[in-house]
Structure formats: structure tokens, C-alpha cells
N, C-alpha and C. Protein backbone atom coordinates (compact mmCIF):
# COMPACT_ATOMS: atom_id res chain seq x y z
N MET A 1 -21.53 77.58 -31.22
CA MET A 1 -21.08 77.39 -32.58
C MET A 1 -21.98 76.35 -33.26
N ASN A 2 -22.27 76.59 -34.52
CA ASN A 2 -23.11 75.65 -35.27
C ASN A 2 -22.42 74.31 -35.42
N THR A 3 -23.21 73.25 -35.55
CA THR A 3 -22.64 71.91 -35.67
C THR A 3 -22.54 71.50 -37.13
N LEU A 4 -21.76 72.25 -37.89
CA LEU A 4 -21.51 71.92 -39.29
C LEU A 4 -20.21 71.14 -39.38
N THR A 5 -20.14 70.24 -40.32
CA THR A 5 -18.86 69.55 -40.56
C THR A 5 -17.93 70.55 -41.24
N GLY A 6 -16.67 70.24 -41.27
CA GLY A 6 -15.70 71.10 -41.93
C GLY A 6 -16.04 71.34 -43.39
N GLU A 7 -16.48 70.29 -44.06
CA GLU A 7 -16.84 70.40 -45.47
C GLU A 7 -18.09 71.25 -45.66
N GLN A 8 -19.08 71.09 -44.79
CA GLN A 8 -20.30 71.90 -44.87
C GLN A 8 -19.99 73.38 -44.63
N ARG A 9 -19.13 73.62 -43.66
CA ARG A 9 -18.73 75.00 -43.34
C ARG A 9 -18.02 75.64 -44.53
N LYS A 10 -17.11 74.88 -45.14
CA LYS A 10 -16.37 75.38 -46.30
C LYS A 10 -17.33 75.68 -47.45
N GLN A 11 -18.28 74.79 -47.68
CA GLN A 11 -19.25 74.96 -48.77
C GLN A 11 -20.13 76.19 -48.51
N LEU A 12 -20.55 76.39 -47.27
CA LEU A 12 -21.38 77.54 -46.92
C LEU A 12 -20.61 78.84 -47.12
N ILE A 13 -19.36 78.87 -46.71
CA ILE A 13 -18.53 80.06 -46.91
C ILE A 13 -18.37 80.36 -48.39
N GLU A 14 -18.11 79.33 -49.18
CA GLU A 14 -17.97 79.51 -50.64
C GLU A 14 -19.26 80.06 -51.25
N GLU A 15 -20.41 79.56 -50.79
CA GLU A 15 -21.71 80.04 -51.29
C GLU A 15 -21.91 81.52 -50.97
N ILE A 16 -21.56 81.93 -49.75
CA ILE A 16 -21.69 83.32 -49.35
C ILE A 16 -20.75 84.20 -50.15
N ILE A 17 -19.52 83.75 -50.36
CA ILE A 17 -18.55 84.50 -51.17
C ILE A 17 -19.09 84.68 -52.58
N GLN A 18 -19.63 83.62 -53.17
CA GLN A 18 -20.15 83.70 -54.54
C GLN A 18 -21.33 84.66 -54.64
N GLN A 19 -22.23 84.63 -53.66
CA GLN A 19 -23.37 85.55 -53.67
C GLN A 19 -22.89 87.00 -53.57
N HIS A 20 -21.87 87.23 -52.77
CA HIS A 20 -21.33 88.58 -52.65
C HIS A 20 -20.63 89.00 -53.94
N THR A 21 -19.86 88.10 -54.52
CA THR A 21 -19.17 88.36 -55.77
C THR A 21 -20.15 88.67 -56.89
N ASP A 22 -21.26 87.96 -56.92
CA ASP A 22 -22.28 88.16 -57.95
C ASP A 22 -23.15 89.39 -57.70
N GLY A 23 -22.94 90.04 -56.56
CA GLY A 23 -23.71 91.24 -56.25
C GLY A 23 -25.09 90.94 -55.69
N GLU A 24 -25.32 89.71 -55.30
CA GLU A 24 -26.63 89.33 -54.75
C GLU A 24 -26.80 89.79 -53.30
N ILE A 25 -25.69 89.87 -52.57
CA ILE A 25 -25.74 90.33 -51.19
C ILE A 25 -24.63 91.34 -50.96
N THR A 26 -24.84 92.25 -50.02
CA THR A 26 -23.86 93.28 -49.69
C THR A 26 -22.80 92.70 -48.77
N LEU A 27 -21.76 93.49 -48.52
CA LEU A 27 -20.72 93.07 -47.57
C LEU A 27 -21.34 92.83 -46.20
N GLY A 28 -22.20 93.75 -45.77
CA GLY A 28 -22.83 93.60 -44.46
C GLY A 28 -23.66 92.33 -44.36
N MET A 29 -24.42 92.05 -45.41
CA MET A 29 -25.24 90.84 -45.42
C MET A 29 -24.34 89.60 -45.38
N ALA A 30 -23.23 89.65 -46.10
CA ALA A 30 -22.29 88.51 -46.12
C ALA A 30 -21.70 88.29 -44.73
N VAL A 31 -21.28 89.37 -44.08
CA VAL A 31 -20.70 89.25 -42.74
C VAL A 31 -21.74 88.69 -41.76
N ARG A 32 -22.96 89.19 -41.84
CA ARG A 32 -24.03 88.71 -40.95
C ARG A 32 -24.28 87.21 -41.18
N ARG A 33 -24.37 86.80 -42.44
CA ARG A 33 -24.58 85.37 -42.73
C ARG A 33 -23.42 84.53 -42.22
N LEU A 34 -22.19 85.01 -42.43
CA LEU A 34 -21.03 84.28 -41.93
C LEU A 34 -21.11 84.12 -40.41
N ARG A 35 -21.40 85.22 -39.74
CA ARG A 35 -21.48 85.18 -38.27
C ARG A 35 -22.55 84.22 -37.80
N LEU A 36 -23.75 84.36 -38.35
CA LEU A 36 -24.87 83.55 -37.87
C LEU A 36 -24.81 82.09 -38.33
N GLU A 37 -24.60 81.88 -39.61
CA GLU A 37 -24.71 80.54 -40.18
C GLU A 37 -23.46 79.70 -39.99
N VAL A 38 -22.30 80.34 -39.93
CA VAL A 38 -21.07 79.57 -39.78
C VAL A 38 -20.68 79.43 -38.31
N THR A 39 -20.76 80.52 -37.56
CA THR A 39 -20.36 80.45 -36.15
C THR A 39 -21.52 80.29 -35.19
N GLY A 40 -22.65 80.93 -35.51
CA GLY A 40 -23.79 80.89 -34.59
C GLY A 40 -23.65 81.84 -33.42
N PHE A 41 -22.62 82.69 -33.42
CA PHE A 41 -22.39 83.62 -32.32
C PHE A 41 -23.30 84.82 -32.40
N ASP A 42 -23.60 85.39 -31.21
CA ASP A 42 -24.34 86.64 -31.20
C ASP A 42 -23.36 87.78 -31.52
N GLN A 43 -23.90 88.97 -31.78
CA GLN A 43 -23.05 90.09 -32.18
C GLN A 43 -22.01 90.44 -31.13
N GLU A 44 -22.41 90.44 -29.88
CA GLU A 44 -21.49 90.82 -28.81
C GLU A 44 -20.29 89.89 -28.72
N THR A 45 -20.54 88.61 -28.75
CA THR A 45 -19.46 87.60 -28.67
C THR A 45 -18.55 87.70 -29.88
N PHE A 46 -19.15 87.78 -31.07
CA PHE A 46 -18.36 87.82 -32.29
C PHE A 46 -17.53 89.11 -32.38
N ALA A 47 -18.14 90.24 -32.01
CA ALA A 47 -17.42 91.52 -32.04
C ALA A 47 -16.21 91.47 -31.11
N HIS A 48 -16.40 90.90 -29.93
CA HIS A 48 -15.30 90.78 -28.98
C HIS A 48 -14.17 89.91 -29.56
N MET A 49 -14.55 88.80 -30.22
CA MET A 49 -13.54 87.93 -30.85
C MET A 49 -12.74 88.68 -31.91
N CYS A 50 -13.40 89.59 -32.63
CA CYS A 50 -12.75 90.33 -33.72
C CYS A 50 -12.02 91.58 -33.24
N GLY A 51 -12.21 91.94 -31.98
CA GLY A 51 -11.55 93.12 -31.44
C GLY A 51 -12.21 94.42 -31.89
N ILE A 52 -13.51 94.37 -32.14
CA ILE A 52 -14.25 95.56 -32.54
C ILE A 52 -15.45 95.72 -31.60
N SER A 53 -16.07 96.89 -31.64
CA SER A 53 -17.23 97.11 -30.79
C SER A 53 -18.46 96.45 -31.38
N THR A 54 -19.41 96.16 -30.53
CA THR A 54 -20.67 95.59 -30.98
C THR A 54 -21.37 96.56 -31.93
N ARG A 55 -21.30 97.85 -31.60
CA ARG A 55 -21.90 98.87 -32.46
C ARG A 55 -21.28 98.86 -33.86
N ALA A 56 -19.95 98.75 -33.93
CA ALA A 56 -19.26 98.72 -35.23
C ALA A 56 -19.72 97.50 -36.04
N LEU A 57 -19.86 96.35 -35.38
CA LEU A 57 -20.32 95.15 -36.08
C LEU A 57 -21.75 95.32 -36.55
N TYR A 58 -22.61 95.86 -35.70
CA TYR A 58 -24.01 96.09 -36.07
C TYR A 58 -24.09 97.01 -37.29
N GLN A 59 -23.34 98.12 -37.26
CA GLN A 59 -23.38 99.06 -38.37
C GLN A 59 -22.84 98.43 -39.66
N LEU A 60 -21.81 97.61 -39.55
CA LEU A 60 -21.29 96.94 -40.73
C LEU A 60 -22.32 95.98 -41.30
N GLU A 61 -22.94 95.17 -40.44
CA GLU A 61 -23.90 94.17 -40.88
C GLU A 61 -25.17 94.79 -41.50
N THR A 62 -25.49 96.00 -41.09
CA THR A 62 -26.68 96.67 -41.63
C THR A 62 -26.32 97.66 -42.73
N ASP A 63 -25.08 97.61 -43.19
CA ASP A 63 -24.58 98.47 -44.27
C ASP A 63 -24.74 99.96 -43.95
N LYS A 64 -24.59 100.30 -42.67
CA LYS A 64 -24.68 101.70 -42.25
C LYS A 64 -23.30 102.25 -41.91
N ALA A 65 -22.26 101.46 -42.13
CA ALA A 65 -20.91 101.85 -41.73
C ALA A 65 -20.00 101.95 -42.95
N ASN A 66 -18.91 102.62 -42.73
CA ASN A 66 -17.84 102.68 -43.71
C ASN A 66 -16.60 102.13 -42.98
N PRO A 67 -16.53 100.80 -42.86
CA PRO A 67 -15.47 100.22 -42.02
C PRO A 67 -14.09 100.38 -42.63
N THR A 68 -13.11 100.38 -41.74
CA THR A 68 -11.73 100.42 -42.21
C THR A 68 -11.37 99.03 -42.74
N LEU A 69 -10.30 98.99 -43.52
CA LEU A 69 -9.81 97.70 -44.02
C LEU A 69 -9.41 96.80 -42.86
N ARG A 70 -8.85 97.39 -41.83
CA ARG A 70 -8.43 96.61 -40.66
C ARG A 70 -9.63 95.92 -40.01
N THR A 71 -10.75 96.64 -39.92
CA THR A 71 -11.96 96.06 -39.33
C THR A 71 -12.46 94.89 -40.16
N VAL A 72 -12.55 95.08 -41.46
CA VAL A 72 -13.03 94.02 -42.36
C VAL A 72 -12.07 92.83 -42.30
N GLU A 73 -10.77 93.11 -42.33
CA GLU A 73 -9.77 92.02 -42.25
C GLU A 73 -9.92 91.23 -40.95
N SER A 74 -10.15 91.93 -39.83
CA SER A 74 -10.25 91.23 -38.53
C SER A 74 -11.46 90.28 -38.53
N ILE A 75 -12.50 90.65 -39.25
CA ILE A 75 -13.68 89.78 -39.34
C ILE A 75 -13.42 88.62 -40.29
N LEU A 76 -12.91 88.93 -41.48
CA LEU A 76 -12.71 87.89 -42.49
C LEU A 76 -11.70 86.83 -42.06
N ARG A 77 -10.69 87.25 -41.29
CA ARG A 77 -9.68 86.29 -40.82
C ARG A 77 -10.28 85.14 -40.03
N LYS A 78 -11.39 85.41 -39.34
CA LYS A 78 -12.04 84.37 -38.54
C LYS A 78 -12.59 83.24 -39.41
N PHE A 79 -12.75 83.52 -40.71
CA PHE A 79 -13.28 82.52 -41.63
C PHE A 79 -12.23 82.06 -42.63
N GLY A 80 -10.97 82.41 -42.37
CA GLY A 80 -9.89 82.01 -43.27
C GLY A 80 -9.92 82.79 -44.58
N LEU A 81 -10.47 84.01 -44.55
CA LEU A 81 -10.58 84.83 -45.76
C LEU A 81 -9.74 86.09 -45.65
N ARG A 82 -9.46 86.68 -46.80
CA ARG A 82 -8.71 87.94 -46.86
C ARG A 82 -9.36 88.86 -47.87
N ILE A 83 -9.07 90.14 -47.75
CA ILE A 83 -9.52 91.11 -48.74
C ILE A 83 -8.61 90.97 -49.94
N GLY A 84 -9.18 91.05 -51.14
CA GLY A 84 -8.38 90.94 -52.34
C GLY A 84 -8.94 91.78 -53.46
N LEU A 85 -8.29 91.73 -54.57
CA LEU A 85 -8.73 92.45 -55.75
C LEU A 85 -9.36 91.49 -56.73
N MET A 86 -10.37 91.99 -57.45
CA MET A 86 -10.98 91.17 -58.49
C MET A 86 -11.40 92.08 -59.63
N SER A 87 -11.49 91.53 -60.77
CA SER A 87 -11.85 92.29 -61.96
C SER A 87 -13.34 92.60 -61.95
N THR A 88 -13.68 93.79 -62.41
CA THR A 88 -15.08 94.14 -62.55
C THR A 88 -15.56 93.87 -63.96
N GLN A 89 -14.68 93.38 -64.81
CA GLN A 89 -15.02 93.07 -66.19
C GLN A 89 -15.88 91.82 -66.23
N PRO A 90 -16.94 91.83 -67.03
CA PRO A 90 -17.74 90.62 -67.17
C PRO A 90 -16.93 89.53 -67.86
N THR A 91 -17.32 88.30 -67.66
CA THR A 91 -16.60 87.18 -68.26
C THR A 91 -17.42 86.56 -69.38
N GLY A 92 -16.81 85.68 -70.15
CA GLY A 92 -17.51 84.92 -71.18
C GLY A 92 -18.04 85.78 -72.31
N LYS A 93 -19.24 85.45 -72.77
CA LYS A 93 -19.85 86.14 -73.91
C LYS A 93 -20.10 87.61 -73.62
N LEU A 94 -20.50 87.90 -72.39
CA LEU A 94 -20.77 89.29 -72.04
C LEU A 94 -19.51 90.15 -72.15
N ARG A 95 -18.38 89.58 -71.77
CA ARG A 95 -17.14 90.33 -71.84
C ARG A 95 -16.78 90.61 -73.29
N THR A 96 -16.93 89.62 -74.18
CA THR A 96 -16.63 89.80 -75.58
C THR A 96 -17.52 90.90 -76.17
N ALA A 97 -18.79 90.88 -75.83
CA ALA A 97 -19.73 91.89 -76.33
C ALA A 97 -19.34 93.27 -75.82
N ALA A 98 -18.94 93.35 -74.56
CA ALA A 98 -18.56 94.64 -73.99
C ALA A 98 -17.29 95.19 -74.65
N LEU A 99 -16.36 94.31 -74.97
CA LEU A 99 -15.11 94.74 -75.60
C LEU A 99 -15.34 95.19 -77.04
N ASN A 100 -16.33 94.61 -77.71
CA ASN A 100 -16.63 94.96 -79.09
C ASN A 100 -17.63 96.10 -79.23
N ALA A 101 -18.16 96.58 -78.11
CA ALA A 101 -19.17 97.66 -78.16
C ALA A 101 -18.51 98.95 -78.64
N PRO A 102 -19.26 99.76 -79.42
CA PRO A 102 -18.69 101.03 -79.87
C PRO A 102 -18.45 101.96 -78.69
N GLU A 103 -17.39 102.72 -78.79
CA GLU A 103 -17.07 103.65 -77.73
C GLU A 103 -17.99 104.87 -77.82
N ILE A 104 -18.33 105.40 -76.68
CA ILE A 104 -19.14 106.61 -76.63
C ILE A 104 -18.20 107.80 -76.74
N ALA A 105 -18.50 108.68 -77.67
CA ALA A 105 -17.65 109.87 -77.85
C ALA A 105 -17.90 110.83 -76.70
N THR A 106 -16.83 111.32 -76.13
CA THR A 106 -16.95 112.30 -75.06
C THR A 106 -16.23 113.56 -75.49
N ARG A 107 -16.74 114.68 -75.06
CA ARG A 107 -16.14 115.96 -75.39
C ARG A 107 -15.33 116.42 -74.19
N SER A 108 -14.08 116.71 -74.42
CA SER A 108 -13.25 117.19 -73.31
C SER A 108 -12.89 118.65 -73.56
N VAL A 109 -12.71 119.37 -72.50
CA VAL A 109 -12.37 120.78 -72.58
C VAL A 109 -10.87 120.91 -72.37
N SER A 110 -10.21 121.62 -73.27
CA SER A 110 -8.78 121.83 -73.14
C SER A 110 -8.52 122.78 -71.98
N ARG A 111 -7.40 122.64 -71.38
CA ARG A 111 -7.05 123.48 -70.26
C ARG A 111 -6.95 124.93 -70.72
N GLY A 112 -7.52 125.82 -69.96
CA GLY A 112 -7.43 127.23 -70.26
C GLY A 112 -8.57 127.76 -71.12
N THR A 113 -9.42 126.89 -71.62
CA THR A 113 -10.53 127.37 -72.43
C THR A 113 -11.78 127.41 -71.60
N LYS A 114 -12.75 128.20 -72.03
CA LYS A 114 -14.01 128.28 -71.30
C LYS A 114 -15.06 127.46 -72.03
N PRO A 115 -15.73 126.56 -71.32
CA PRO A 115 -16.79 125.78 -71.98
C PRO A 115 -17.98 126.71 -72.28
N ASN A 116 -18.75 126.34 -73.27
CA ASN A 116 -19.93 127.13 -73.62
C ASN A 116 -20.89 127.09 -72.45
N ARG A 117 -21.30 128.28 -72.00
CA ARG A 117 -22.23 128.36 -70.87
C ARG A 117 -23.48 129.07 -71.31
N LYS A 118 -24.58 128.67 -70.75
CA LYS A 118 -25.84 129.31 -71.06
C LYS A 118 -26.40 130.01 -69.85
């Protein structure tokens, strides 16, 4: 395990969360950073701690997997984290601009009618 103080560990976790929230890193990249930088464990040890296979952890970290919520939860719990919901709406000035943007007109087809085909 890395020799970080509790405060350093907390700050590192917050930094990784923020990078993931901002879209700078993927879920897999975040999990890999958490594993390596916070715990220092190898994949085999960490996978065993989480109750998942080493292969499942490898695939998740390399963004080649479609993990279940249970798998992600088992990993995040080790860092005092949980899966949650967050808004995809931009904040601040960008949000105001997006809300005031003109709507794009879309054409919908009524049920039972045939769309024009070429």
C-alpha cells in the first residue's frame, strides 16, 4: 500500500473523481489510477479484494468491458465511493446559453402514415 497520509489519499481520490466527472479520463482509467496510486496493489491482489477475477479487472481498467453495477460498486466501495446520478447539463454561463439556444425543429411521422421514400 502506498504511504500517503489520509489527507493526501482523500485529495488524490477527489482529483481522480473530478477528472472523471470532467470527462478527462474514462471509468477504466479512474479505476486503474485509484488502484495504483491510492492502494499500490497489483491487479491480482486488488481483484481478489473486490471479489472479481483478474481478467474482469483488467478488462474494466482497459475499457474493454461492460461491467455490472455490482462489479463497479465492489471496486468503488474500497475507496469509500458509491455509484450515483449526476446531471449532464452544463453549469454556469454555458448552461444559460444552452437553455436560451433555439430549438431545432424535428419532423415526426404520425402513426399509421408512410414517410416519403425515394
